mmCIF file of all heavy atoms, coordinates in Angstrom:
data_MODEL
# 
_entry.id   MODEL 
# 
loop_
_atom_site.group_PDB 
_atom_site.id 
_atom_site.type_symbol 
_atom_site.label_atom_id 
_atom_site.label_alt_id 
_atom_site.label_comp_id 
_atom_site.label_asym_id 
_atom_site.label_entity_id 
_atom_site.label_seq_id 
_atom_site.pdbx_PDB_ins_code 
_atom_site.Cartn_x 
_atom_site.Cartn_y 
_atom_site.Cartn_z 
_atom_site.occupancy 
_atom_site.B_iso_or_equiv 
_atom_site.pdbx_formal_charge 
_atom_site.auth_seq_id 
_atom_site.auth_comp_id 
_atom_site.auth_asym_id 
_atom_site.auth_atom_id 
_atom_site.pdbx_PDB_model_num 
ATOM 1   N N   . ASN A 1 1  ? -253.821 -54.065 -76.409 1.00 0.00 ? 1  ASN A N   1 
ATOM 2   C CA  . ASN A 1 1  ? -255.146 -54.069 -76.440 1.00 0.00 ? 1  ASN A CA  1 
ATOM 3   C C   . ASN A 1 1  ? -255.677 -53.664 -75.023 1.00 0.00 ? 1  ASN A C   1 
ATOM 4   O O   . ASN A 1 1  ? -255.472 -54.389 -74.124 1.00 0.00 ? 1  ASN A O   1 
ATOM 5   C CB  . ASN A 1 1  ? -255.641 -55.553 -76.791 1.00 0.00 ? 1  ASN A CB  1 
ATOM 6   C CG  . ASN A 1 1  ? -257.121 -55.615 -76.988 1.00 0.00 ? 1  ASN A CG  1 
ATOM 7   O OD1 . ASN A 1 1  ? -257.854 -54.794 -76.456 1.00 0.00 ? 1  ASN A OD1 1 
ATOM 8   N ND2 . ASN A 1 1  ? -257.536 -56.649 -77.555 1.00 0.00 ? 1  ASN A ND2 1 
ATOM 9   N N   . GLU A 1 2  ? -256.338 -52.476 -74.949 1.00 0.00 ? 2  GLU A N   1 
ATOM 10  C CA  . GLU A 1 2  ? -256.802 -51.963 -73.738 1.00 0.00 ? 2  GLU A CA  1 
ATOM 11  C C   . GLU A 1 2  ? -258.114 -52.741 -73.304 1.00 0.00 ? 2  GLU A C   1 
ATOM 12  O O   . GLU A 1 2  ? -258.554 -52.335 -72.172 1.00 0.00 ? 2  GLU A O   1 
ATOM 13  C CB  . GLU A 1 2  ? -257.044 -50.518 -73.758 1.00 0.00 ? 2  GLU A CB  1 
ATOM 14  C CG  . GLU A 1 2  ? -255.663 -49.841 -73.948 1.00 0.00 ? 2  GLU A CG  1 
ATOM 15  C CD  . GLU A 1 2  ? -255.798 -48.356 -74.112 1.00 0.00 ? 2  GLU A CD  1 
ATOM 16  O OE1 . GLU A 1 2  ? -256.815 -47.731 -73.705 1.00 0.00 ? 2  GLU A OE1 1 
ATOM 17  O OE2 . GLU A 1 2  ? -254.861 -47.703 -74.405 1.00 0.00 ? 2  GLU A OE2 1 
ATOM 18  N N   . ASN A 1 3  ? -258.665 -53.528 -74.073 1.00 0.00 ? 3  ASN A N   1 
ATOM 19  C CA  . ASN A 1 3  ? -259.907 -54.279 -73.700 1.00 0.00 ? 3  ASN A CA  1 
ATOM 20  C C   . ASN A 1 3  ? -259.621 -55.512 -72.870 1.00 0.00 ? 3  ASN A C   1 
ATOM 21  O O   . ASN A 1 3  ? -260.546 -56.172 -72.573 1.00 0.00 ? 3  ASN A O   1 
ATOM 22  C CB  . ASN A 1 3  ? -260.613 -54.685 -74.980 1.00 0.00 ? 3  ASN A CB  1 
ATOM 23  C CG  . ASN A 1 3  ? -261.123 -53.419 -75.722 1.00 0.00 ? 3  ASN A CG  1 
ATOM 24  O OD1 . ASN A 1 3  ? -261.381 -52.457 -75.102 1.00 0.00 ? 3  ASN A OD1 1 
ATOM 25  N ND2 . ASN A 1 3  ? -261.215 -53.504 -77.077 1.00 0.00 ? 3  ASN A ND2 1 
ATOM 26  N N   . VAL A 1 4  ? -258.341 -55.891 -72.669 1.00 0.00 ? 4  VAL A N   1 
ATOM 27  C CA  . VAL A 1 4  ? -258.063 -57.052 -71.815 1.00 0.00 ? 4  VAL A CA  1 
ATOM 28  C C   . VAL A 1 4  ? -258.426 -56.924 -70.362 1.00 0.00 ? 4  VAL A C   1 
ATOM 29  O O   . VAL A 1 4  ? -257.870 -55.897 -69.751 1.00 0.00 ? 4  VAL A O   1 
ATOM 30  C CB  . VAL A 1 4  ? -256.568 -57.466 -72.044 1.00 0.00 ? 4  VAL A CB  1 
ATOM 31  C CG1 . VAL A 1 4  ? -256.275 -58.663 -71.116 1.00 0.00 ? 4  VAL A CG1 1 
ATOM 32  C CG2 . VAL A 1 4  ? -256.366 -57.837 -73.484 1.00 0.00 ? 4  VAL A CG2 1 
ATOM 33  N N   . SER A 1 5  ? -259.145 -57.722 -69.784 1.00 0.00 ? 5  SER A N   1 
ATOM 34  C CA  . SER A 1 5  ? -259.629 -57.532 -68.402 1.00 0.00 ? 5  SER A CA  1 
ATOM 35  C C   . SER A 1 5  ? -258.628 -58.052 -67.397 1.00 0.00 ? 5  SER A C   1 
ATOM 36  O O   . SER A 1 5  ? -258.428 -57.546 -66.308 1.00 0.00 ? 5  SER A O   1 
ATOM 37  C CB  . SER A 1 5  ? -260.930 -58.236 -68.196 1.00 0.00 ? 5  SER A CB  1 
ATOM 38  O OG  . SER A 1 5  ? -261.982 -57.700 -69.004 1.00 0.00 ? 5  SER A OG  1 
ATOM 39  N N   . ALA A 1 6  ? -257.903 -59.170 -67.770 1.00 0.00 ? 6  ALA A N   1 
ATOM 40  C CA  . ALA A 1 6  ? -256.971 -59.714 -66.869 1.00 0.00 ? 6  ALA A CA  1 
ATOM 41  C C   . ALA A 1 6  ? -255.995 -60.722 -67.657 1.00 0.00 ? 6  ALA A C   1 
ATOM 42  O O   . ALA A 1 6  ? -256.425 -61.051 -68.738 1.00 0.00 ? 6  ALA A O   1 
ATOM 43  C CB  . ALA A 1 6  ? -257.616 -60.594 -65.790 1.00 0.00 ? 6  ALA A CB  1 
ATOM 44  N N   . ILE A 1 7  ? -254.867 -60.946 -67.135 1.00 0.00 ? 7  ILE A N   1 
ATOM 45  C CA  . ILE A 1 7  ? -253.960 -61.708 -67.793 1.00 0.00 ? 7  ILE A CA  1 
ATOM 46  C C   . ILE A 1 7  ? -253.479 -62.879 -66.759 1.00 0.00 ? 7  ILE A C   1 
ATOM 47  O O   . ILE A 1 7  ? -253.179 -62.644 -65.623 1.00 0.00 ? 7  ILE A O   1 
ATOM 48  C CB  . ILE A 1 7  ? -252.612 -60.915 -68.229 1.00 0.00 ? 7  ILE A CB  1 
ATOM 49  C CG1 . ILE A 1 7  ? -253.101 -59.886 -69.172 1.00 0.00 ? 7  ILE A CG1 1 
ATOM 50  C CG2 . ILE A 1 7  ? -251.613 -61.822 -68.729 1.00 0.00 ? 7  ILE A CG2 1 
ATOM 51  C CD1 . ILE A 1 7  ? -252.104 -58.763 -69.262 1.00 0.00 ? 7  ILE A CD1 1 
ATOM 52  N N   . ILE A 1 8  ? -253.439 -64.096 -67.228 1.00 0.00 ? 8  ILE A N   1 
ATOM 53  C CA  . ILE A 1 8  ? -252.943 -65.191 -66.405 1.00 0.00 ? 8  ILE A CA  1 
ATOM 54  C C   . ILE A 1 8  ? -251.830 -65.941 -67.145 1.00 0.00 ? 8  ILE A C   1 
ATOM 55  O O   . ILE A 1 8  ? -251.896 -66.292 -68.225 1.00 0.00 ? 8  ILE A O   1 
ATOM 56  C CB  . ILE A 1 8  ? -254.098 -66.192 -66.226 1.00 0.00 ? 8  ILE A CB  1 
ATOM 57  C CG1 . ILE A 1 8  ? -255.253 -65.565 -65.463 1.00 0.00 ? 8  ILE A CG1 1 
ATOM 58  C CG2 . ILE A 1 8  ? -253.597 -67.406 -65.415 1.00 0.00 ? 8  ILE A CG2 1 
ATOM 59  C CD1 . ILE A 1 8  ? -256.564 -66.444 -65.402 1.00 0.00 ? 8  ILE A CD1 1 
ATOM 60  N N   . GLY A 1 9  ? -250.733 -66.058 -66.403 1.00 0.00 ? 9  GLY A N   1 
ATOM 61  C CA  . GLY A 1 9  ? -249.593 -66.856 -66.911 1.00 0.00 ? 9  GLY A CA  1 
ATOM 62  C C   . GLY A 1 9  ? -249.464 -68.154 -66.218 1.00 0.00 ? 9  GLY A C   1 
ATOM 63  O O   . GLY A 1 9  ? -249.504 -68.165 -64.966 1.00 0.00 ? 9  GLY A O   1 
ATOM 64  N N   . LEU A 1 10 ? -249.416 -69.318 -66.930 1.00 0.00 ? 10 LEU A N   1 
ATOM 65  C CA  . LEU A 1 10 ? -249.239 -70.587 -66.361 1.00 0.00 ? 10 LEU A CA  1 
ATOM 66  C C   . LEU A 1 10 ? -247.761 -71.111 -66.582 1.00 0.00 ? 10 LEU A C   1 
ATOM 67  O O   . LEU A 1 10 ? -247.579 -71.544 -67.730 1.00 0.00 ? 10 LEU A O   1 
ATOM 68  C CB  . LEU A 1 10 ? -250.311 -71.569 -66.893 1.00 0.00 ? 10 LEU A CB  1 
ATOM 69  C CG  . LEU A 1 10 ? -251.698 -71.168 -66.616 1.00 0.00 ? 10 LEU A CG  1 
ATOM 70  C CD1 . LEU A 1 10 ? -252.641 -72.159 -67.278 1.00 0.00 ? 10 LEU A CD1 1 
ATOM 71  C CD2 . LEU A 1 10 ? -251.999 -71.187 -65.144 1.00 0.00 ? 10 LEU A CD2 1 
ATOM 72  N N   . ASP A 1 11 ? -246.909 -70.873 -65.684 1.00 0.00 ? 11 ASP A N   1 
ATOM 73  C CA  . ASP A 1 11 ? -245.530 -71.283 -65.753 1.00 0.00 ? 11 ASP A CA  1 
ATOM 74  C C   . ASP A 1 11 ? -244.960 -70.630 -67.037 1.00 0.00 ? 11 ASP A C   1 
ATOM 75  O O   . ASP A 1 11 ? -244.242 -71.377 -67.822 1.00 0.00 ? 11 ASP A O   1 
ATOM 76  C CB  . ASP A 1 11 ? -245.338 -72.798 -65.705 1.00 0.00 ? 11 ASP A CB  1 
ATOM 77  C CG  . ASP A 1 11 ? -243.978 -73.197 -65.210 1.00 0.00 ? 11 ASP A CG  1 
ATOM 78  O OD1 . ASP A 1 11 ? -243.411 -72.478 -64.387 1.00 0.00 ? 11 ASP A OD1 1 
ATOM 79  O OD2 . ASP A 1 11 ? -243.409 -74.115 -65.816 1.00 0.00 ? 11 ASP A OD2 1 
ATOM 80  N N   . GLY A 1 12 ? -245.279 -69.360 -67.230 1.00 0.00 ? 12 GLY A N   1 
ATOM 81  C CA  . GLY A 1 12 ? -244.853 -68.696 -68.463 1.00 0.00 ? 12 GLY A CA  1 
ATOM 82  C C   . GLY A 1 12 ? -243.324 -68.661 -68.626 1.00 0.00 ? 12 GLY A C   1 
ATOM 83  O O   . GLY A 1 12 ? -242.503 -68.373 -67.696 1.00 0.00 ? 12 GLY A O   1 
ATOM 84  N N   . THR A 1 13 ? -242.886 -68.938 -69.904 1.00 0.00 ? 13 THR A N   1 
ATOM 85  C CA  . THR A 1 13 ? -241.494 -68.884 -70.291 1.00 0.00 ? 13 THR A CA  1 
ATOM 86  C C   . THR A 1 13 ? -240.842 -67.584 -69.912 1.00 0.00 ? 13 THR A C   1 
ATOM 87  O O   . THR A 1 13 ? -239.637 -67.517 -69.645 1.00 0.00 ? 13 THR A O   1 
ATOM 88  C CB  . THR A 1 13 ? -241.311 -69.298 -71.682 1.00 0.00 ? 13 THR A CB  1 
ATOM 89  O OG1 . THR A 1 13 ? -241.965 -70.571 -71.896 1.00 0.00 ? 13 THR A OG1 1 
ATOM 90  C CG2 . THR A 1 13 ? -239.837 -69.438 -72.118 1.00 0.00 ? 13 THR A CG2 1 
ATOM 91  N N   . TYR A 1 14 ? -241.526 -66.508 -69.996 1.00 0.00 ? 14 TYR A N   1 
ATOM 92  C CA  . TYR A 1 14 ? -240.958 -65.205 -69.669 1.00 0.00 ? 14 TYR A CA  1 
ATOM 93  C C   . TYR A 1 14 ? -240.296 -65.126 -68.338 1.00 0.00 ? 14 TYR A C   1 
ATOM 94  O O   . TYR A 1 14 ? -239.583 -64.246 -68.032 1.00 0.00 ? 14 TYR A O   1 
ATOM 95  C CB  . TYR A 1 14 ? -242.103 -64.117 -69.836 1.00 0.00 ? 14 TYR A CB  1 
ATOM 96  C CG  . TYR A 1 14 ? -243.205 -64.374 -68.921 1.00 0.00 ? 14 TYR A CG  1 
ATOM 97  C CD1 . TYR A 1 14 ? -243.342 -64.096 -67.536 1.00 0.00 ? 14 TYR A CD1 1 
ATOM 98  C CD2 . TYR A 1 14 ? -244.437 -65.025 -69.456 1.00 0.00 ? 14 TYR A CD2 1 
ATOM 99  C CE1 . TYR A 1 14 ? -244.418 -64.351 -66.767 1.00 0.00 ? 14 TYR A CE1 1 
ATOM 100 C CE2 . TYR A 1 14 ? -245.554 -65.173 -68.629 1.00 0.00 ? 14 TYR A CE2 1 
ATOM 101 C CZ  . TYR A 1 14 ? -245.462 -64.919 -67.357 1.00 0.00 ? 14 TYR A CZ  1 
ATOM 102 O OH  . TYR A 1 14 ? -246.539 -65.225 -66.551 1.00 0.00 ? 14 TYR A OH  1 
ATOM 103 N N   . GLY A 1 15 ? -240.689 -66.028 -67.382 1.00 0.00 ? 15 GLY A N   1 
ATOM 104 C CA  . GLY A 1 15 ? -240.193 -65.987 -66.004 1.00 0.00 ? 15 GLY A CA  1 
ATOM 105 C C   . GLY A 1 15 ? -239.039 -66.869 -65.737 1.00 0.00 ? 15 GLY A C   1 
ATOM 106 O O   . GLY A 1 15 ? -238.509 -66.902 -64.707 1.00 0.00 ? 15 GLY A O   1 
ATOM 107 N N   . PHE A 1 16 ? -238.467 -67.563 -66.894 1.00 0.00 ? 16 PHE A N   1 
ATOM 108 C CA  . PHE A 1 16 ? -237.237 -68.396 -66.722 1.00 0.00 ? 16 PHE A CA  1 
ATOM 109 C C   . PHE A 1 16 ? -236.014 -67.546 -66.991 1.00 0.00 ? 16 PHE A C   1 
ATOM 110 O O   . PHE A 1 16 ? -236.046 -66.802 -67.903 1.00 0.00 ? 16 PHE A O   1 
ATOM 111 C CB  . PHE A 1 16 ? -237.266 -69.594 -67.704 1.00 0.00 ? 16 PHE A CB  1 
ATOM 112 C CG  . PHE A 1 16 ? -238.444 -70.525 -67.619 1.00 0.00 ? 16 PHE A CG  1 
ATOM 113 C CD1 . PHE A 1 16 ? -238.841 -71.196 -68.721 1.00 0.00 ? 16 PHE A CD1 1 
ATOM 114 C CD2 . PHE A 1 16 ? -239.301 -70.586 -66.418 1.00 0.00 ? 16 PHE A CD2 1 
ATOM 115 C CE1 . PHE A 1 16 ? -239.900 -72.068 -68.612 1.00 0.00 ? 16 PHE A CE1 1 
ATOM 116 C CE2 . PHE A 1 16 ? -240.389 -71.374 -66.418 1.00 0.00 ? 16 PHE A CE2 1 
ATOM 117 C CZ  . PHE A 1 16 ? -240.681 -72.136 -67.419 1.00 0.00 ? 16 PHE A CZ  1 
ATOM 118 N N   . ARG A 1 17 ? -235.001 -67.670 -66.137 1.00 0.00 ? 17 ARG A N   1 
ATOM 119 C CA  . ARG A 1 17 ? -233.808 -66.979 -66.349 1.00 0.00 ? 17 ARG A CA  1 
ATOM 120 C C   . ARG A 1 17 ? -233.256 -67.168 -67.734 1.00 0.00 ? 17 ARG A C   1 
ATOM 121 O O   . ARG A 1 17 ? -233.186 -68.231 -68.298 1.00 0.00 ? 17 ARG A O   1 
ATOM 122 C CB  . ARG A 1 17 ? -232.696 -67.415 -65.275 1.00 0.00 ? 17 ARG A CB  1 
ATOM 123 C CG  . ARG A 1 17 ? -231.419 -66.640 -65.403 1.00 0.00 ? 17 ARG A CG  1 
ATOM 124 C CD  . ARG A 1 17 ? -230.538 -66.897 -64.243 1.00 0.00 ? 17 ARG A CD  1 
ATOM 125 N NE  . ARG A 1 17 ? -231.091 -66.826 -62.897 1.00 0.00 ? 17 ARG A NE  1 
ATOM 126 C CZ  . ARG A 1 17 ? -231.467 -65.738 -62.276 1.00 0.00 ? 17 ARG A CZ  1 
ATOM 127 N NH1 . ARG A 1 17 ? -231.422 -64.528 -62.822 1.00 0.00 ? 17 ARG A NH1 1 
ATOM 128 N NH2 . ARG A 1 17 ? -232.020 -65.837 -61.034 1.00 0.00 ? 17 ARG A NH2 1 
ATOM 129 N N   . GLY A 1 18 ? -232.978 -65.979 -68.403 1.00 0.00 ? 18 GLY A N   1 
ATOM 130 C CA  . GLY A 1 18 ? -232.469 -66.027 -69.789 1.00 0.00 ? 18 GLY A CA  1 
ATOM 131 C C   . GLY A 1 18 ? -233.588 -66.030 -70.771 1.00 0.00 ? 18 GLY A C   1 
ATOM 132 O O   . GLY A 1 18 ? -233.305 -66.058 -72.080 1.00 0.00 ? 18 GLY A O   1 
ATOM 133 N N   . SER A 1 19 ? -234.877 -66.105 -70.382 1.00 0.00 ? 19 SER A N   1 
ATOM 134 C CA  . SER A 1 19 ? -235.978 -66.160 -71.354 1.00 0.00 ? 19 SER A CA  1 
ATOM 135 C C   . SER A 1 19 ? -236.924 -64.951 -71.312 1.00 0.00 ? 19 SER A C   1 
ATOM 136 O O   . SER A 1 19 ? -237.949 -64.948 -71.977 1.00 0.00 ? 19 SER A O   1 
ATOM 137 C CB  . SER A 1 19 ? -236.754 -67.508 -71.177 1.00 0.00 ? 19 SER A CB  1 
ATOM 138 O OG  . SER A 1 19 ? -235.907 -68.515 -71.308 1.00 0.00 ? 19 SER A OG  1 
ATOM 139 N N   . SER A 1 20 ? -236.612 -63.952 -70.607 1.00 0.00 ? 20 SER A N   1 
ATOM 140 C CA  . SER A 1 20 ? -237.468 -62.794 -70.546 1.00 0.00 ? 20 SER A CA  1 
ATOM 141 C C   . SER A 1 20 ? -237.671 -62.048 -71.841 1.00 0.00 ? 20 SER A C   1 
ATOM 142 O O   . SER A 1 20 ? -238.743 -61.462 -72.040 1.00 0.00 ? 20 SER A O   1 
ATOM 143 C CB  . SER A 1 20 ? -236.958 -61.729 -69.465 1.00 0.00 ? 20 SER A CB  1 
ATOM 144 O OG  . SER A 1 20 ? -235.725 -61.218 -69.914 1.00 0.00 ? 20 SER A OG  1 
ATOM 145 N N   . GLY A 1 21 ? -236.769 -62.283 -72.807 1.00 0.00 ? 21 GLY A N   1 
ATOM 146 C CA  . GLY A 1 21 ? -236.982 -61.755 -74.163 1.00 0.00 ? 21 GLY A CA  1 
ATOM 147 C C   . GLY A 1 21 ? -238.263 -62.180 -74.804 1.00 0.00 ? 21 GLY A C   1 
ATOM 148 O O   . GLY A 1 21 ? -238.716 -61.537 -75.690 1.00 0.00 ? 21 GLY A O   1 
ATOM 149 N N   . VAL A 1 22 ? -238.737 -63.339 -74.367 1.00 0.00 ? 22 VAL A N   1 
ATOM 150 C CA  . VAL A 1 22 ? -240.004 -63.875 -74.957 1.00 0.00 ? 22 VAL A CA  1 
ATOM 151 C C   . VAL A 1 22 ? -241.091 -62.755 -74.773 1.00 0.00 ? 22 VAL A C   1 
ATOM 152 O O   . VAL A 1 22 ? -241.939 -62.615 -75.694 1.00 0.00 ? 22 VAL A O   1 
ATOM 153 C CB  . VAL A 1 22 ? -240.429 -65.136 -74.322 1.00 0.00 ? 22 VAL A CB  1 
ATOM 154 C CG1 . VAL A 1 22 ? -241.830 -65.611 -74.625 1.00 0.00 ? 22 VAL A CG1 1 
ATOM 155 C CG2 . VAL A 1 22 ? -239.400 -66.318 -74.514 1.00 0.00 ? 22 VAL A CG2 1 
ATOM 156 N N   . LEU A 1 23 ? -241.015 -62.047 -73.707 1.00 0.00 ? 23 LEU A N   1 
ATOM 157 C CA  . LEU A 1 23 ? -242.006 -60.972 -73.391 1.00 0.00 ? 23 LEU A CA  1 
ATOM 158 C C   . LEU A 1 23 ? -241.395 -59.669 -73.807 1.00 0.00 ? 23 LEU A C   1 
ATOM 159 O O   . LEU A 1 23 ? -242.086 -58.919 -74.610 1.00 0.00 ? 23 LEU A O   1 
ATOM 160 C CB  . LEU A 1 23 ? -242.323 -60.929 -71.887 1.00 0.00 ? 23 LEU A CB  1 
ATOM 161 C CG  . LEU A 1 23 ? -243.307 -59.939 -71.411 1.00 0.00 ? 23 LEU A CG  1 
ATOM 162 C CD1 . LEU A 1 23 ? -244.623 -60.122 -72.039 1.00 0.00 ? 23 LEU A CD1 1 
ATOM 163 C CD2 . LEU A 1 23 ? -243.428 -60.007 -69.903 1.00 0.00 ? 23 LEU A CD2 1 
ATOM 164 N N   . THR A 1 24 ? -240.201 -59.322 -73.377 1.00 0.00 ? 24 THR A N   1 
ATOM 165 C CA  . THR A 1 24 ? -239.675 -57.929 -73.548 1.00 0.00 ? 24 THR A CA  1 
ATOM 166 C C   . THR A 1 24 ? -239.433 -57.665 -75.041 1.00 0.00 ? 24 THR A C   1 
ATOM 167 O O   . THR A 1 24 ? -239.336 -56.482 -75.336 1.00 0.00 ? 24 THR A O   1 
ATOM 168 C CB  . THR A 1 24 ? -238.529 -57.741 -72.688 1.00 0.00 ? 24 THR A CB  1 
ATOM 169 O OG1 . THR A 1 24 ? -237.495 -58.686 -73.081 1.00 0.00 ? 24 THR A OG1 1 
ATOM 170 C CG2 . THR A 1 24 ? -238.824 -57.907 -71.186 1.00 0.00 ? 24 THR A CG2 1 
# 
């Protein structure tokens, strides 16, 4: 969605070792 102005992650699971697949 190109209409998104900004993204905020609050302790997002995508940043935990072994959990990047949540995003990727």
